[in-house]
Amino acid sequence: MQVDRELDLKGEVCPFTFVKSKLIIEQMEKGQILRVILDYEPSVENVPKSMEMEGQKVLAVNKIGDKLWEVLVRKER
């Protein structure tokens, strides 16, 4: 899967993880994919849920390390 932008949010907590993700995806073109890297466990649930509420498509949430996750989001609108 081709990732168009990557946002490393290690060390960030809610709600900043979603706010920063939303600001980046708003700058992207429809159909592009954003990869968000998170290390704050509550954000692993909150960022995907909030992205879907905003009308974006969450493609995957993967654990990529000890206390490290990636969220892949496709811009839909």
PDB file of N, CA and C in Angstrom:
ATOM      1  N   MET A   1       0.856  -1.191   0.000  1.00  0.00           N
ATOM      2  CA  MET A   1       0.000   0.000   0.000  1.00  0.00           C
ATOM      3  C   MET A   1       0.893   1.242   0.000  1.00  0.00           C
ATOM      4  N   GLN A   2       0.602   2.140  -0.903  1.00  0.00           N
ATOM      5  CA  GLN A   2       1.383   3.383  -0.987  1.00  0.00           C
ATOM      6  C   GLN A   2       0.868   4.396   0.027  1.00  0.00           C
ATOM      7  N   VAL A   3       1.774   4.900   0.837  1.00  0.00           N
ATOM      8  CA  VAL A   3       1.450   5.928   1.822  1.00  0.00           C
ATOM      9  C   VAL A   3       1.903   7.271   1.265  1.00  0.00           C
ATOM     10  N   ASP A   4       0.994   8.243   1.265  1.00  0.00           N
ATOM     11  CA  ASP A   4       1.309   9.567   0.698  1.00  0.00           C
ATOM     12  C   ASP A   4       1.921  10.520   1.716  1.00  0.00           C
ATOM     13  N   ARG A   5       1.496  10.412   2.962  1.00  0.00           N
ATOM     14  CA  ARG A   5       2.046  11.264   4.040  1.00  0.00           C
ATOM     15  C   ARG A   5       2.186  10.426   5.286  1.00  0.00           C
ATOM     16  N   GLU A   6       3.164  10.780   6.109  1.00  0.00           N
ATOM     17  CA  GLU A   6       3.343  10.090   7.383  1.00  0.00           C
ATOM     18  C   GLU A   6       3.421  11.136   8.488  1.00  0.00           C
ATOM     19  N   LEU A   7       2.756  10.842   9.580  1.00  0.00           N
ATOM     20  CA  LEU A   7       2.726  11.753  10.714  1.00  0.00           C
ATOM     21  C   LEU A   7       3.155  10.984  11.960  1.00  0.00           C
ATOM     22  N   ASP A   8       4.288  11.356  12.525  1.00  0.00           N
ATOM     23  CA  ASP A   8       4.830  10.699  13.709  1.00  0.00           C
ATOM     24  C   ASP A   8       4.371  11.469  14.944  1.00  0.00           C
ATOM     25  N   LEU A   9       3.468  10.849  15.706  1.00  0.00           N
ATOM     26  CA  LEU A   9       2.909  11.506  16.888  1.00  0.00           C
ATOM     27  C   LEU A   9       3.357  10.844  18.181  1.00  0.00           C
ATOM     28  N   LYS A  10       4.514  10.205  18.155  1.00  0.00           N
ATOM     29  CA  LYS A  10       5.034   9.619  19.394  1.00  0.00           C
ATOM     30  C   LYS A  10       5.236  10.742  20.415  1.00  0.00           C
ATOM     31  N   GLY A  11       4.795  10.476  21.638  1.00  0.00           N
ATOM     32  CA  GLY A  11       4.912  11.466  22.707  1.00  0.00           C
ATOM     33  C   GLY A  11       3.720  12.394  22.807  1.00  0.00           C
ATOM     34  N   GLU A  12       2.793  12.322  21.863  1.00  0.00           N
ATOM     35  CA  GLU A  12       1.582  13.162  21.883  1.00  0.00           C
ATOM     36  C   GLU A  12       0.433  12.391  22.525  1.00  0.00           C
ATOM     37  N   VAL A  13      -0.501  13.122  23.145  1.00  0.00           N
ATOM     38  CA  VAL A  13      -1.665  12.508  23.785  1.00  0.00           C
ATOM     39  C   VAL A  13      -2.943  13.099  23.203  1.00  0.00           C
ATOM     40  N   CYS A  14      -4.070  12.449  23.524  1.00  0.00           N
ATOM     41  CA  CYS A  14      -5.382  12.952  23.107  1.00  0.00           C
ATOM     42  C   CYS A  14      -5.656  14.278  23.790  1.00  0.00           C
ATOM     43  N   PRO A  15      -6.312  15.217  23.187  1.00  0.00           N
ATOM     44  CA  PRO A  15      -6.891  15.158  21.846  1.00  0.00           C
ATOM     45  C   PRO A  15      -5.931  15.633  20.753  1.00  0.00           C
ATOM     46  N   PHE A  16      -4.690  15.931  21.114  1.00  0.00           N
ATOM     47  CA  PHE A  16      -3.753  16.482  20.135  1.00  0.00           C
ATOM     48  C   PHE A  16      -3.453  15.511  19.004  1.00  0.00           C
ATOM     49  N   THR A  17      -3.489  14.199  19.296  1.00  0.00           N
ATOM     50  CA  THR A  17      -3.208  13.224  18.246  1.00  0.00           C
ATOM     51  C   THR A  17      -4.246  13.320  17.132  1.00  0.00           C
ATOM     52  N   PHE A  18      -5.511  13.449  17.498  1.00  0.00           N
ATOM     53  CA  PHE A  18      -6.545  13.574  16.471  1.00  0.00           C
ATOM     54  C   PHE A  18      -6.480  14.931  15.786  1.00  0.00           C
ATOM     55  N   VAL A  19      -6.321  15.990  16.552  1.00  0.00           N
ATOM     56  CA  VAL A  19      -6.295  17.341  15.973  1.00  0.00           C
ATOM     57  C   VAL A  19      -5.175  17.449  14.936  1.00  0.00           C
ATOM     58  N   LYS A  20      -3.999  16.978  15.270  1.00  0.00           N
ATOM     59  CA  LYS A  20      -2.872  17.061  14.330  1.00  0.00           C
ATOM     60  C   LYS A  20      -3.107  16.174  13.115  1.00  0.00           C
ATOM     61  N   SER A  21      -3.698  14.994  13.321  1.00  0.00           N
ATOM     62  CA  SER A  21      -4.018  14.107  12.199  1.00  0.00           C
ATOM     63  C   SER A  21      -5.032  14.755  11.273  1.00  0.00           C
ATOM     64  N   LYS A  22      -6.039  15.372  11.859  1.00  0.00           N
ATOM     65  CA  LYS A  22      -7.084  16.020  11.063  1.00  0.00           C
ATOM     66  C   LYS A  22      -6.509  17.178  10.244  1.00  0.00           C
ATOM     67  N   LEU A  23      -5.629  17.969  10.834  1.00  0.00           N
ATOM     68  CA  LEU A  23      -5.031  19.090  10.111  1.00  0.00           C
ATOM     69  C   LEU A  23      -4.232  18.612   8.902  1.00  0.00           C
ATOM     70  N   ILE A  24      -3.513  17.506   9.054  1.00  0.00           N
ATOM     71  CA  ILE A  24      -2.730  16.977   7.935  1.00  0.00           C
ATOM     72  C   ILE A  24      -3.644  16.417   6.852  1.00  0.00           C
ATOM     73  N   ILE A  25      -4.640  15.622   7.231  1.00  0.00           N
ATOM     74  CA  ILE A  25      -5.487  14.991   6.215  1.00  0.00           C
ATOM     75  C   ILE A  25      -6.315  16.026   5.456  1.00  0.00           C
ATOM     76  N   GLU A  26      -6.616  17.148   6.090  1.00  0.00           N
ATOM     77  CA  GLU A  26      -7.345  18.218   5.394  1.00  0.00           C
ATOM     78  C   GLU A  26      -6.521  18.824   4.259  1.00  0.00           C
ATOM     79  N   GLN A  27      -5.194  18.727   4.343  1.00  0.00           N
ATOM     80  CA  GLN A  27      -4.307  19.272   3.308  1.00  0.00           C
ATOM     81  C   GLN A  27      -4.094  18.284   2.153  1.00  0.00           C
ATOM     82  N   MET A  28      -4.547  17.051   2.327  1.00  0.00           N
ATOM     83  CA  MET A  28      -4.303  16.004   1.350  1.00  0.00           C
ATOM     84  C   MET A  28      -5.415  15.937   0.310  1.00  0.00           C
ATOM     85  N   GLU A  29      -5.130  15.259  -0.795  1.00  0.00           N
ATOM     86  CA  GLU A  29      -6.104  15.061  -1.871  1.00  0.00           C
ATOM     87  C   GLU A  29      -6.952  13.820  -1.575  1.00  0.00           C
ATOM     88  N   LYS A  30      -8.180  13.833  -2.070  1.00  0.00           N
ATOM     89  CA  LYS A  30      -9.070  12.686  -1.921  1.00  0.00           C
ATOM     90  C   LYS A  30      -8.387  11.443  -2.490  1.00  0.00           C
ATOM     91  N   GLY A  31      -8.446  10.343  -1.721  1.00  0.00           N
ATOM     92  CA  GLY A  31      -7.848   9.085  -2.149  1.00  0.00           C
ATOM     93  C   GLY A  31      -6.438   8.859  -1.629  1.00  0.00           C
ATOM     94  N   GLN A  32      -5.804   9.911  -1.135  1.00  0.00           N
ATOM     95  CA  GLN A  32      -4.457   9.750  -0.590  1.00  0.00           C
ATOM     96  C   GLN A  32      -4.512   9.077   0.776  1.00  0.00           C
ATOM     97  N   ILE A  33      -3.384   8.458   1.154  1.00  0.00           N
ATOM     98  CA  ILE A  33      -3.324   7.695   2.397  1.00  0.00           C
ATOM     99  C   ILE A  33      -2.343   8.345   3.375  1.00  0.00           C
ATOM    100  N   LEU A  34      -2.822   8.505   4.601  1.00  0.00           N
ATOM    101  CA  LEU A  34      -2.037   9.053   5.695  1.00  0.00           C
ATOM    102  C   LEU A  34      -1.685   7.922   6.655  1.00  0.00           C
ATOM    103  N   ARG A  35      -0.420   7.833   7.021  1.00  0.00           N
ATOM    104  CA  ARG A  35       0.035   6.884   8.038  1.00  0.00           C
ATOM    105  C   ARG A  35       0.353   7.680   9.300  1.00  0.00           C
ATOM    106  N   VAL A  36      -0.340   7.353  10.389  1.00  0.00           N
ATOM    107  CA  VAL A  36      -0.141   8.024  11.665  1.00  0.00           C
ATOM    108  C   VAL A  36       0.528   7.036  12.617  1.00  0.00           C
ATOM    109  N   ILE A  37       1.647   7.444  13.204  1.00  0.00           N
ATOM    110  CA  ILE A  37       2.372   6.618  14.168  1.00  0.00           C
ATOM    111  C   ILE A  37       2.036   7.113  15.573  1.00  0.00           C
ATOM    112  N   LEU A  38       1.593   6.196  16.428  1.00  0.00           N
ATOM    113  CA  LEU A  38       1.148   6.540  17.780  1.00  0.00           C
ATOM    114  C   LEU A  38       1.834   5.666  18.825  1.00  0.00           C
ATOM    115  N   ASP A  39       2.061   6.239  19.998  1.00  0.00           N
ATOM    116  CA  ASP A  39       2.564   5.443  21.117  1.00  0.00           C
ATOM    117  C   ASP A  39       1.712   5.617  22.375  1.00  0.00           C
ATOM    118  N   TYR A  40       0.619   6.339  22.253  1.00  0.00           N
ATOM    119  CA  TYR A  40      -0.299   6.580  23.368  1.00  0.00           C
ATOM    120  C   TYR A  40      -1.534   5.714  23.133  1.00  0.00           C
ATOM    121  N   GLU A  41      -1.698   4.660  23.934  1.00  0.00           N
ATOM    122  CA  GLU A  41      -2.719   3.650  23.674  1.00  0.00           C
ATOM    123  C   GLU A  41      -4.139   4.188  23.513  1.00  0.00           C
ATOM    124  N   PRO A  42      -4.607   5.144  24.333  1.00  0.00           N
ATOM    125  CA  PRO A  42      -5.962   5.667  24.103  1.00  0.00           C
ATOM    126  C   PRO A  42      -6.143   6.275  22.703  1.00  0.00           C
ATOM    127  N   SER A  43      -5.093   6.827  22.146  1.00  0.00           N
ATOM    128  CA  SER A  43      -5.176   7.405  20.798  1.00  0.00           C
ATOM    129  C   SER A  43      -5.388   6.342  19.738  1.00  0.00           C
ATOM    130  N   VAL A  44      -4.956   5.117  20.013  1.00  0.00           N
ATOM    131  CA  VAL A  44      -5.109   4.026  19.047  1.00  0.00           C
ATOM    132  C   VAL A  44      -6.592   3.731  18.812  1.00  0.00           C
ATOM    133  N   GLU A  45      -7.425   3.982  19.796  1.00  0.00           N
ATOM    134  CA  GLU A  45      -8.869   3.841  19.631  1.00  0.00           C
ATOM    135  C   GLU A  45      -9.502   5.155  19.179  1.00  0.00           C
ATOM    136  N   ASN A  46      -9.062   6.259  19.762  1.00  0.00           N
ATOM    137  CA  ASN A  46      -9.715   7.547  19.510  1.00  0.00           C
ATOM    138  C   ASN A  46      -9.448   8.122  18.127  1.00  0.00           C
ATOM    139  N   VAL A  47      -8.218   8.016  17.625  1.00  0.00           N
ATOM    140  CA  VAL A  47      -7.910   8.594  16.309  1.00  0.00           C
ATOM    141  C   VAL A  47      -8.715   7.908  15.205  1.00  0.00           C
ATOM    142  N   PRO A  48      -8.721   6.561  15.117  1.00  0.00           N
ATOM    143  CA  PRO A  48      -9.531   5.937  14.065  1.00  0.00           C
ATOM    144  C   PRO A  48     -11.028   6.260  14.185  1.00  0.00           C
ATOM    145  N   LYS A  49     -11.543   6.224  15.413  1.00  0.00           N
ATOM    146  CA  LYS A  49     -12.969   6.514  15.612  1.00  0.00           C
ATOM    147  C   LYS A  49     -13.294   7.937  15.166  1.00  0.00           C
ATOM    148  N   SER A  50     -12.454   8.888  15.540  1.00  0.00           N
ATOM    149  CA  SER A  50     -12.684  10.284  15.167  1.00  0.00           C
ATOM    150  C   SER A  50     -12.530  10.494  13.666  1.00  0.00           C
ATOM    151  N   MET A  51     -11.558   9.824  13.051  1.00  0.00           N
ATOM    152  CA  MET A  51     -11.369   9.946  11.601  1.00  0.00           C
ATOM    153  C   MET A  51     -12.605   9.448  10.854  1.00  0.00           C
ATOM    154  N   GLU A  52     -13.152   8.332  11.300  1.00  0.00           N
ATOM    155  CA  GLU A  52     -14.361   7.813  10.651  1.00  0.00           C
ATOM    156  C   GLU A  52     -15.546   8.742  10.862  1.00  0.00           C
ATOM    157  N   MET A  53     -15.642   9.353  12.035  1.00  0.00           N
ATOM    158  CA  MET A  53     -16.722  10.312  12.279  1.00  0.00           C
ATOM    159  C   MET A  53     -16.589  11.526  11.362  1.00  0.00           C
ATOM    160  N   GLU A  54     -15.367  11.832  10.933  1.00  0.00           N
ATOM    161  CA  GLU A  54     -15.113  12.948  10.016  1.00  0.00           C
ATOM    162  C   GLU A  54     -15.324  12.550   8.555  1.00  0.00           C
ATOM    163  N   GLY A  55     -15.664  11.274   8.324  1.00  0.00           N
ATOM    164  CA  GLY A  55     -15.934  10.822   6.968  1.00  0.00           C
ATOM    165  C   GLY A  55     -14.742  10.204   6.252  1.00  0.00           C
ATOM    166  N   GLN A  56     -13.657   9.964   6.970  1.00  0.00           N
ATOM    167  CA  GLN A  56     -12.488   9.337   6.359  1.00  0.00           C
ATOM    168  C   GLN A  56     -12.581   7.812   6.514  1.00  0.00           C
ATOM    169  N   LYS A  57     -11.777   7.082   5.744  1.00  0.00           N
ATOM    170  CA  LYS A  57     -11.790   5.620   5.777  1.00  0.00           C
ATOM    171  C   LYS A  57     -10.535   5.102   6.472  1.00  0.00           C
ATOM    172  N   VAL A  58     -10.727   4.423   7.599  1.00  0.00           N
ATOM    173  CA  VAL A  58      -9.606   3.806   8.303  1.00  0.00           C
ATOM    174  C   VAL A  58      -9.349   2.456   7.638  1.00  0.00           C
ATOM    175  N   LEU A  59      -8.166   2.320   7.061  1.00  0.00           N
ATOM    176  CA  LEU A  59      -7.815   1.101   6.336  1.00  0.00           C
ATOM    177  C   LEU A  59      -7.235   0.037   7.256  1.00  0.00           C
ATOM    178  N   ALA A  60      -6.479   0.460   8.272  1.00  0.00           N
ATOM    179  CA  ALA A  60      -5.851  -0.509   9.165  1.00  0.00           C
ATOM    180  C   ALA A  60      -5.358   0.175  10.430  1.00  0.00           C
ATOM    181  N   VAL A  61      -5.321  -0.605  11.489  1.00  0.00           N
ATOM    182  CA  VAL A  61      -4.665  -0.222  12.740  1.00  0.00           C
ATOM    183  C   VAL A  61      -3.771  -1.397  13.089  1.00  0.00           C
ATOM    184  N   ASN A  62      -2.457  -1.174  13.050  1.00  0.00           N
ATOM    185  CA  ASN A  62      -1.504  -2.259  13.253  1.00  0.00           C
ATOM    186  C   ASN A  62      -0.547  -1.950  14.392  1.00  0.00           C
ATOM    187  N   LYS A  63      -0.284  -2.959  15.196  1.00  0.00           N
ATOM    188  CA  LYS A  63       0.761  -2.831  16.219  1.00  0.00           C
ATOM    189  C   LYS A  63       2.084  -3.081  15.507  1.00  0.00           C
ATOM    190  N   ILE A  64       2.999  -2.129  15.594  1.00  0.00           N
ATOM    191  CA  ILE A  64       4.261  -2.237  14.860  1.00  0.00           C
ATOM    192  C   ILE A  64       5.468  -2.313  15.785  1.00  0.00           C
ATOM    193  N   GLY A  65       5.210  -2.328  17.087  1.00  0.00           N
ATOM    194  CA  GLY A  65       6.295  -2.426  18.053  1.00  0.00           C
ATOM    195  C   GLY A  65       5.721  -2.442  19.452  1.00  0.00           C
ATOM    196  N   ASP A  66       6.604  -2.506  20.422  1.00  0.00           N
ATOM    197  CA  ASP A  66       6.157  -2.463  21.806  1.00  0.00           C
ATOM    198  C   ASP A  66       5.629  -1.064  22.103  1.00  0.00           C
ATOM    199  N   LYS A  67       4.328  -0.978  22.350  1.00  0.00           N
ATOM    200  CA  LYS A  67       3.664   0.312  22.588  1.00  0.00           C
ATOM    201  C   LYS A  67       3.820   1.263  21.407  1.00  0.00           C
ATOM    202  N   LEU A  68       3.696   0.718  20.192  1.00  0.00           N
ATOM    203  CA  LEU A  68       3.804   1.522  18.976  1.00  0.00           C
ATOM    204  C   LEU A  68       2.810   0.978  17.951  1.00  0.00           C
ATOM    205  N   TRP A  69       2.002   1.876  17.394  1.00  0.00           N
ATOM    206  CA  TRP A  69       0.980   1.495  16.431  1.00  0.00           C
ATOM    207  C   TRP A  69       1.028   2.413  15.219  1.00  0.00           C
ATOM    208  N   GLU A  70       0.481   1.897  14.099  1.00  0.00           N
ATOM    209  CA  GLU A  70       0.256   2.725  12.924  1.00  0.00           C
ATOM    210  C   GLU A  70      -1.231   2.680  12.600  1.00  0.00           C
ATOM    211  N   VAL A  71      -1.740   3.818  12.175  1.00  0.00           N
ATOM    212  CA  VAL A  71      -3.118   3.923  11.719  1.00  0.00           C
ATOM    213  C   VAL A  71      -3.034   4.416  10.276  1.00  0.00           C
ATOM    214  N   LEU A  72      -3.645   3.668   9.363  1.00  0.00           N
ATOM    215  CA  LEU A  72      -3.654   4.036   7.953  1.00  0.00           C
ATOM    216  C   LEU A  72      -5.041   4.553   7.608  1.00  0.00           C
ATOM    217  N   VAL A  73      -5.097   5.773   7.091  1.00  0.00           N
ATOM    218  CA  VAL A  73      -6.363   6.448   6.804  1.00  0.00           C
ATOM    219  C   VAL A  73      -6.345   6.956   5.370  1.00  0.00           C
ATOM    220  N   ARG A  74      -7.436   6.653   4.636  1.00  0.00           N
ATOM    221  CA  ARG A  74      -7.587   7.181   3.273  1.00  0.00           C
ATOM    222  C   ARG A  74      -8.546   8.368   3.314  1.00  0.00           C
ATOM    223  N   LYS A  75      -8.126   9.447   2.703  1.00  0.00           N
ATOM    224  CA  LYS A  75      -8.980  10.643   2.664  1.00  0.00           C
ATOM    225  C   LYS A  75     -10.152  10.376   1.709  1.00  0.00           C
ATOM    226  N   GLU A  76     -11.340  10.543   2.224  1.00  0.00           N
ATOM    227  CA  GLU A  76     -12.563  10.301   1.446  1.00  0.00           C
ATOM    228  C   GLU A  76     -13.252  11.597   1.023  1.00  0.00           C
ATOM    229  N   ARG A  77     -13.047  12.664   1.774  1.00  0.00           N
ATOM    230  CA  ARG A  77     -13.725  13.919   1.445  1.00  0.00           C
ATOM    231  C   ARG A  77     -12.906  15.097   1.886  1.00  0.00           C
TER     232      ARG A  77
END
